[in-house]
N, C-alpha and C. Protein backbone atom coordinates (compact mmCIF):
# COMPACT_ATOMS: atom_id res chain seq x y z
N UNK A 1 20.17 0.71 17.18
CA UNK A 1 19.14 1.44 17.88
C UNK A 1 18.68 2.60 17.00
N UNK A 2 17.41 2.63 16.73
CA UNK A 2 16.84 3.74 15.97
C UNK A 2 16.37 4.76 17.01
N UNK A 3 17.27 5.67 17.35
CA UNK A 3 16.95 6.66 18.37
C UNK A 3 16.63 8.01 17.74
N UNK A 4 16.33 8.97 18.58
CA UNK A 4 15.94 10.29 18.11
C UNK A 4 17.02 10.92 17.23
N UNK A 5 18.28 10.77 17.63
CA UNK A 5 19.35 11.39 16.84
C UNK A 5 19.43 10.79 15.44
N UNK A 6 19.22 9.48 15.31
CA UNK A 6 19.24 8.84 13.98
C UNK A 6 18.08 9.35 13.13
N UNK A 7 16.90 9.47 13.74
CA UNK A 7 15.73 9.95 13.00
C UNK A 7 15.93 11.39 12.56
N UNK A 8 16.44 12.24 13.45
CA UNK A 8 16.66 13.65 13.10
C UNK A 8 17.75 13.79 12.04
N UNK A 9 18.80 12.98 12.12
CA UNK A 9 19.85 13.02 11.10
C UNK A 9 19.29 12.61 9.75
N UNK A 10 18.47 11.56 9.73
CA UNK A 10 17.87 11.12 8.47
C UNK A 10 16.94 12.18 7.91
N UNK A 11 16.17 12.83 8.78
CA UNK A 11 15.28 13.91 8.34
C UNK A 11 16.08 15.03 7.70
N UNK A 12 17.22 15.37 8.28
CA UNK A 12 18.05 16.44 7.73
C UNK A 12 18.64 16.05 6.38
N UNK A 13 19.10 14.82 6.26
CA UNK A 13 19.69 14.36 5.00
C UNK A 13 18.67 14.33 3.88
N UNK A 14 17.45 13.91 4.19
CA UNK A 14 16.42 13.74 3.16
C UNK A 14 15.46 14.92 3.06
N UNK A 15 15.61 15.89 3.96
CA UNK A 15 14.71 17.04 4.02
C UNK A 15 13.26 16.60 4.22
N UNK A 16 13.07 15.54 4.99
CA UNK A 16 11.74 15.01 5.29
C UNK A 16 11.45 15.23 6.77
N UNK A 17 10.79 16.34 7.04
CA UNK A 17 10.48 16.71 8.42
C UNK A 17 9.02 16.46 8.76
N UNK A 18 8.46 15.39 8.26
CA UNK A 18 7.10 15.01 8.60
C UNK A 18 7.00 14.95 10.12
N UNK A 19 6.00 15.62 10.71
CA UNK A 19 5.91 15.65 12.17
C UNK A 19 5.76 14.26 12.81
N UNK A 20 5.27 13.30 12.07
CA UNK A 20 5.16 11.94 12.61
C UNK A 20 6.54 11.37 12.94
N UNK A 21 7.56 11.88 12.24
CA UNK A 21 8.93 11.43 12.48
C UNK A 21 9.68 12.29 13.48
N UNK A 22 9.47 13.60 13.44
CA UNK A 22 10.36 14.50 14.18
C UNK A 22 9.72 15.28 15.32
N UNK A 23 8.42 15.34 15.39
CA UNK A 23 7.74 16.15 16.41
C UNK A 23 7.17 15.23 17.49
N UNK A 24 7.84 15.18 18.63
CA UNK A 24 7.43 14.26 19.69
C UNK A 24 6.03 14.58 20.22
N UNK A 25 5.69 15.86 20.33
CA UNK A 25 4.36 16.24 20.82
C UNK A 25 3.28 15.80 19.84
N UNK A 26 3.53 16.02 18.55
CA UNK A 26 2.57 15.60 17.52
C UNK A 26 2.41 14.08 17.55
N UNK A 27 3.54 13.37 17.54
CA UNK A 27 3.51 11.91 17.49
C UNK A 27 2.84 11.31 18.72
N UNK A 28 2.94 11.98 19.86
CA UNK A 28 2.31 11.48 21.08
C UNK A 28 0.79 11.40 20.93
N UNK A 29 0.23 12.24 20.07
CA UNK A 29 -1.21 12.24 19.84
C UNK A 29 -1.67 11.28 18.77
N UNK A 30 -0.76 10.49 18.22
CA UNK A 30 -1.11 9.51 17.18
C UNK A 30 -1.27 8.13 17.83
N UNK A 31 -1.81 7.17 17.10
CA UNK A 31 -1.91 5.80 17.65
C UNK A 31 -0.55 5.20 18.03
N UNK A 32 0.54 5.72 17.46
CA UNK A 32 1.87 5.18 17.77
C UNK A 32 2.39 5.66 19.12
N UNK A 33 1.97 6.85 19.55
CA UNK A 33 2.36 7.38 20.85
C UNK A 33 3.73 8.02 20.92
N UNK A 34 4.52 7.85 19.90
CA UNK A 34 5.86 8.45 19.83
C UNK A 34 6.27 8.50 18.37
N UNK A 35 7.34 9.25 18.05
CA UNK A 35 7.77 9.32 16.65
C UNK A 35 8.12 7.93 16.09
N UNK A 36 7.94 7.80 14.79
CA UNK A 36 8.34 6.58 14.09
C UNK A 36 9.46 6.93 13.11
N UNK A 37 10.31 5.97 12.85
CA UNK A 37 11.41 6.16 11.91
C UNK A 37 10.87 6.23 10.49
N UNK A 38 11.58 6.95 9.65
CA UNK A 38 11.29 6.94 8.21
C UNK A 38 11.47 5.51 7.72
N UNK A 39 10.59 5.04 6.86
CA UNK A 39 10.68 3.68 6.36
C UNK A 39 12.01 3.39 5.70
N UNK A 40 12.51 4.35 4.93
CA UNK A 40 13.77 4.13 4.22
C UNK A 40 14.96 4.08 5.17
N UNK A 41 14.85 4.72 6.32
CA UNK A 41 15.91 4.62 7.32
C UNK A 41 16.06 3.17 7.76
N UNK A 42 14.96 2.51 8.02
CA UNK A 42 14.99 1.09 8.40
C UNK A 42 15.44 0.21 7.23
N UNK A 43 14.99 0.54 6.03
CA UNK A 43 15.38 -0.25 4.86
C UNK A 43 16.88 -0.17 4.61
N UNK A 44 17.50 0.93 4.98
CA UNK A 44 18.95 1.04 4.81
C UNK A 44 19.70 -0.07 5.54
N UNK A 45 19.12 -0.61 6.59
CA UNK A 45 19.75 -1.72 7.29
C UNK A 45 19.85 -2.95 6.40
N UNK A 46 18.84 -3.17 5.57
CA UNK A 46 18.88 -4.29 4.62
C UNK A 46 20.03 -4.07 3.64
N UNK A 47 20.14 -2.84 3.10
CA UNK A 47 21.21 -2.54 2.15
C UNK A 47 22.58 -2.73 2.80
N UNK A 48 22.73 -2.32 4.06
CA UNK A 48 24.01 -2.52 4.75
C UNK A 48 24.33 -4.00 4.89
N UNK A 49 23.34 -4.81 5.21
CA UNK A 49 23.55 -6.25 5.33
C UNK A 49 23.94 -6.85 3.98
N UNK A 50 23.26 -6.43 2.93
CA UNK A 50 23.58 -6.94 1.59
C UNK A 50 24.98 -6.51 1.16
N UNK A 51 25.36 -5.30 1.49
CA UNK A 51 26.70 -4.81 1.14
C UNK A 51 27.77 -5.65 1.85
N UNK A 52 27.53 -5.96 3.12
CA UNK A 52 28.49 -6.79 3.85
C UNK A 52 28.56 -8.20 3.24
N UNK A 53 27.43 -8.73 2.82
CA UNK A 53 27.39 -10.09 2.28
C UNK A 53 27.98 -10.18 0.88
N UNK A 54 27.70 -9.17 0.03
CA UNK A 54 28.06 -9.27 -1.38
C UNK A 54 29.16 -8.32 -1.82
N UNK A 55 29.56 -7.39 -0.99
CA UNK A 55 30.56 -6.41 -1.41
C UNK A 55 30.00 -5.57 -2.55
N UNK A 56 30.79 -5.42 -3.60
CA UNK A 56 30.37 -4.60 -4.73
C UNK A 56 29.31 -5.27 -5.60
N UNK A 57 29.13 -6.58 -5.47
CA UNK A 57 28.15 -7.30 -6.29
C UNK A 57 26.77 -7.17 -5.65
N UNK A 58 26.27 -5.96 -5.61
CA UNK A 58 24.98 -5.68 -4.97
C UNK A 58 23.84 -6.29 -5.77
N UNK A 59 22.73 -6.57 -5.09
CA UNK A 59 21.56 -7.12 -5.79
C UNK A 59 21.07 -6.21 -6.91
N UNK A 60 20.51 -6.84 -7.94
CA UNK A 60 19.97 -6.06 -9.04
C UNK A 60 18.54 -5.63 -8.76
N UNK A 61 17.91 -6.27 -7.79
CA UNK A 61 16.52 -5.92 -7.47
C UNK A 61 16.23 -6.22 -6.01
N UNK A 62 15.37 -5.41 -5.45
CA UNK A 62 14.93 -5.60 -4.07
C UNK A 62 13.45 -5.27 -4.03
N UNK A 63 12.66 -6.21 -3.54
CA UNK A 63 11.21 -6.03 -3.44
C UNK A 63 10.84 -6.20 -1.98
N UNK A 64 10.31 -5.14 -1.35
CA UNK A 64 10.01 -5.21 0.08
C UNK A 64 8.62 -4.69 0.40
N UNK A 65 8.15 -5.10 1.58
CA UNK A 65 6.91 -4.57 2.16
C UNK A 65 7.24 -4.04 3.54
N UNK A 66 6.70 -2.87 3.84
CA UNK A 66 6.84 -2.29 5.17
C UNK A 66 5.65 -2.80 5.99
N UNK A 67 5.92 -3.71 6.93
CA UNK A 67 4.87 -4.43 7.64
C UNK A 67 4.35 -3.65 8.85
N UNK A 68 5.24 -3.00 9.58
CA UNK A 68 4.83 -2.20 10.74
C UNK A 68 5.89 -1.12 10.97
N UNK A 69 5.50 -0.06 11.66
CA UNK A 69 6.44 1.04 11.88
C UNK A 69 7.51 0.68 12.90
N UNK A 70 8.61 1.41 12.81
CA UNK A 70 9.68 1.30 13.80
C UNK A 70 9.56 2.53 14.70
N UNK A 71 9.23 2.29 15.96
CA UNK A 71 9.09 3.38 16.91
C UNK A 71 10.46 3.91 17.32
N UNK A 72 10.51 5.20 17.61
CA UNK A 72 11.74 5.80 18.12
C UNK A 72 12.22 5.00 19.33
N UNK A 73 13.54 4.87 19.46
CA UNK A 73 14.19 4.15 20.57
C UNK A 73 13.94 2.65 20.52
N UNK A 74 13.83 2.11 19.32
CA UNK A 74 13.66 0.67 19.13
C UNK A 74 14.94 0.07 18.56
N UNK A 75 15.36 -1.04 19.12
CA UNK A 75 16.50 -1.77 18.57
C UNK A 75 15.98 -2.63 17.42
N UNK A 76 16.66 -2.58 16.29
CA UNK A 76 16.26 -3.37 15.13
C UNK A 76 17.46 -4.17 14.63
N UNK A 77 17.16 -5.28 13.97
CA UNK A 77 18.19 -6.09 13.33
C UNK A 77 17.73 -6.41 11.92
N UNK A 78 18.70 -6.59 11.04
CA UNK A 78 18.40 -6.96 9.66
C UNK A 78 19.08 -8.28 9.36
N UNK A 79 18.48 -9.04 8.49
CA UNK A 79 19.07 -10.32 8.12
C UNK A 79 18.35 -10.94 6.95
N UNK A 80 18.66 -12.18 6.71
CA UNK A 80 18.02 -12.89 5.62
C UNK A 80 18.62 -14.27 5.45
N UNK A 81 18.10 -14.98 4.48
CA UNK A 81 18.66 -16.28 4.16
C UNK A 81 18.48 -16.57 2.68
N UNK A 82 19.39 -17.38 2.18
CA UNK A 82 19.38 -17.71 0.76
C UNK A 82 18.35 -18.79 0.48
N UNK A 83 17.62 -18.59 -0.60
CA UNK A 83 16.65 -19.59 -1.04
C UNK A 83 17.32 -20.54 -2.04
N UNK A 84 16.64 -21.64 -2.33
CA UNK A 84 17.20 -22.62 -3.27
C UNK A 84 17.37 -22.04 -4.67
N UNK A 85 16.53 -21.05 -5.03
CA UNK A 85 16.64 -20.48 -6.38
C UNK A 85 17.70 -19.39 -6.49
N UNK A 86 18.43 -19.10 -5.40
CA UNK A 86 19.50 -18.12 -5.43
C UNK A 86 19.09 -16.74 -4.96
N UNK A 87 17.81 -16.48 -4.85
CA UNK A 87 17.35 -15.20 -4.30
C UNK A 87 17.47 -15.27 -2.78
N UNK A 88 17.29 -14.14 -2.13
CA UNK A 88 17.37 -14.07 -0.67
C UNK A 88 16.10 -13.49 -0.09
N UNK A 89 15.57 -14.16 0.92
CA UNK A 89 14.51 -13.56 1.73
C UNK A 89 15.21 -12.65 2.73
N UNK A 90 14.78 -11.39 2.81
CA UNK A 90 15.41 -10.42 3.70
C UNK A 90 14.38 -9.85 4.64
N UNK A 91 14.84 -9.34 5.77
CA UNK A 91 13.93 -8.81 6.76
C UNK A 91 14.62 -7.82 7.67
N UNK A 92 13.82 -6.97 8.31
CA UNK A 92 14.24 -6.14 9.44
C UNK A 92 13.25 -6.47 10.55
N UNK A 93 13.77 -6.70 11.76
CA UNK A 93 12.92 -7.03 12.91
C UNK A 93 13.17 -6.07 14.06
N UNK A 94 12.12 -5.80 14.81
CA UNK A 94 12.27 -4.95 15.99
C UNK A 94 12.76 -5.79 17.17
N UNK A 95 12.97 -5.14 18.31
CA UNK A 95 13.51 -5.82 19.48
C UNK A 95 12.64 -6.95 20.00
N UNK A 96 11.34 -6.91 19.70
CA UNK A 96 10.43 -7.98 20.11
C UNK A 96 10.46 -9.16 19.14
N UNK A 97 11.23 -9.02 18.06
CA UNK A 97 11.30 -10.08 17.06
C UNK A 97 10.24 -10.01 15.99
N UNK A 98 9.46 -8.92 15.99
CA UNK A 98 8.42 -8.75 14.97
C UNK A 98 9.03 -8.21 13.68
N UNK A 99 8.59 -8.75 12.55
CA UNK A 99 9.03 -8.21 11.26
C UNK A 99 8.50 -6.80 11.09
N UNK A 100 9.39 -5.89 10.67
CA UNK A 100 8.95 -4.54 10.31
C UNK A 100 9.09 -4.32 8.81
N UNK A 101 10.03 -5.03 8.19
CA UNK A 101 10.20 -5.03 6.73
C UNK A 101 10.48 -6.47 6.32
N UNK A 102 9.82 -6.92 5.26
CA UNK A 102 10.10 -8.24 4.69
C UNK A 102 10.22 -8.09 3.19
N UNK A 103 11.00 -8.96 2.57
CA UNK A 103 11.11 -8.87 1.13
C UNK A 103 12.06 -9.89 0.54
N UNK A 104 12.41 -9.65 -0.71
CA UNK A 104 13.29 -10.53 -1.47
C UNK A 104 14.33 -9.70 -2.19
N UNK A 105 15.56 -10.20 -2.19
CA UNK A 105 16.65 -9.57 -2.94
C UNK A 105 17.13 -10.57 -3.99
N UNK A 106 17.37 -10.04 -5.18
CA UNK A 106 17.88 -10.85 -6.28
C UNK A 106 19.30 -10.38 -6.59
N UNK A 107 20.32 -11.18 -6.26
CA UNK A 107 21.69 -10.76 -6.52
C UNK A 107 22.03 -10.77 -8.00
N UNK A 108 22.96 -9.92 -8.37
CA UNK A 108 23.47 -9.91 -9.74
C UNK A 108 24.03 -11.30 -10.05
N UNK A 109 23.72 -11.83 -11.21
CA UNK A 109 24.20 -13.15 -11.60
C UNK A 109 23.37 -14.29 -11.07
N UNK A 110 22.32 -13.99 -10.33
CA UNK A 110 21.46 -15.03 -9.78
C UNK A 110 20.60 -15.64 -10.88
N UNK A 111 20.30 -16.92 -10.74
CA UNK A 111 19.39 -17.56 -11.69
C UNK A 111 17.94 -17.27 -11.31
N UNK A 112 17.74 -16.80 -10.09
CA UNK A 112 16.38 -16.46 -9.64
C UNK A 112 15.88 -15.26 -10.43
N UNK A 113 14.60 -15.24 -10.68
CA UNK A 113 13.99 -14.13 -11.41
C UNK A 113 12.85 -13.55 -10.60
N UNK A 114 12.74 -12.24 -10.72
CA UNK A 114 11.58 -11.60 -10.11
C UNK A 114 10.34 -12.16 -10.78
N UNK A 115 9.21 -12.22 -10.07
CA UNK A 115 7.98 -12.77 -10.66
C UNK A 115 7.56 -12.08 -11.95
N UNK A 116 7.84 -10.79 -12.11
CA UNK A 116 7.41 -10.07 -13.31
C UNK A 116 8.52 -9.96 -14.36
N UNK A 117 9.62 -10.67 -14.15
CA UNK A 117 10.74 -10.62 -15.07
C UNK A 117 10.63 -11.76 -16.08
N UNK A 118 10.70 -11.46 -17.38
CA UNK A 118 10.57 -12.54 -18.37
C UNK A 118 11.75 -13.51 -18.31
N UNK A 119 11.49 -14.73 -18.70
CA UNK A 119 12.53 -15.76 -18.71
C UNK A 119 13.48 -15.57 -19.86
C-alpha cells in the first residue's frame, strides 16, 4: 500500500517535498485529486522483486517507462516474467490491474542485450 506515511517517508529520505507528493490541499486542485507517489518510490518495488529473485546477482541494466501515476492510498504489486532471450519484462500495477511502470531488466550474465548495446 502506497499510503501517506510511505510518501512522506520517501520525501524525507530524498528531500523531495514537491507539493504534488506531500501537500494534500495542493494535490486536490490537480487533475489527480490527491497526492501521487514519487515515481522512484514505485520503482523501488521492481528492485525489491529483482533482489528476491536474483539475490546478489542484480540486473546490470533496467529500462523502464512510467505509464501512469500512483495515487496516495493505492495498493500496488510488482512482478515480471522471463523472456526467451534471458531478459525480464517487469512491471508495477495498481489495484485495478493497470500498469503504472513497465520495462525490461537485463540480469548479469544474461545473453540478452539492451537494444543500444553492441554485440
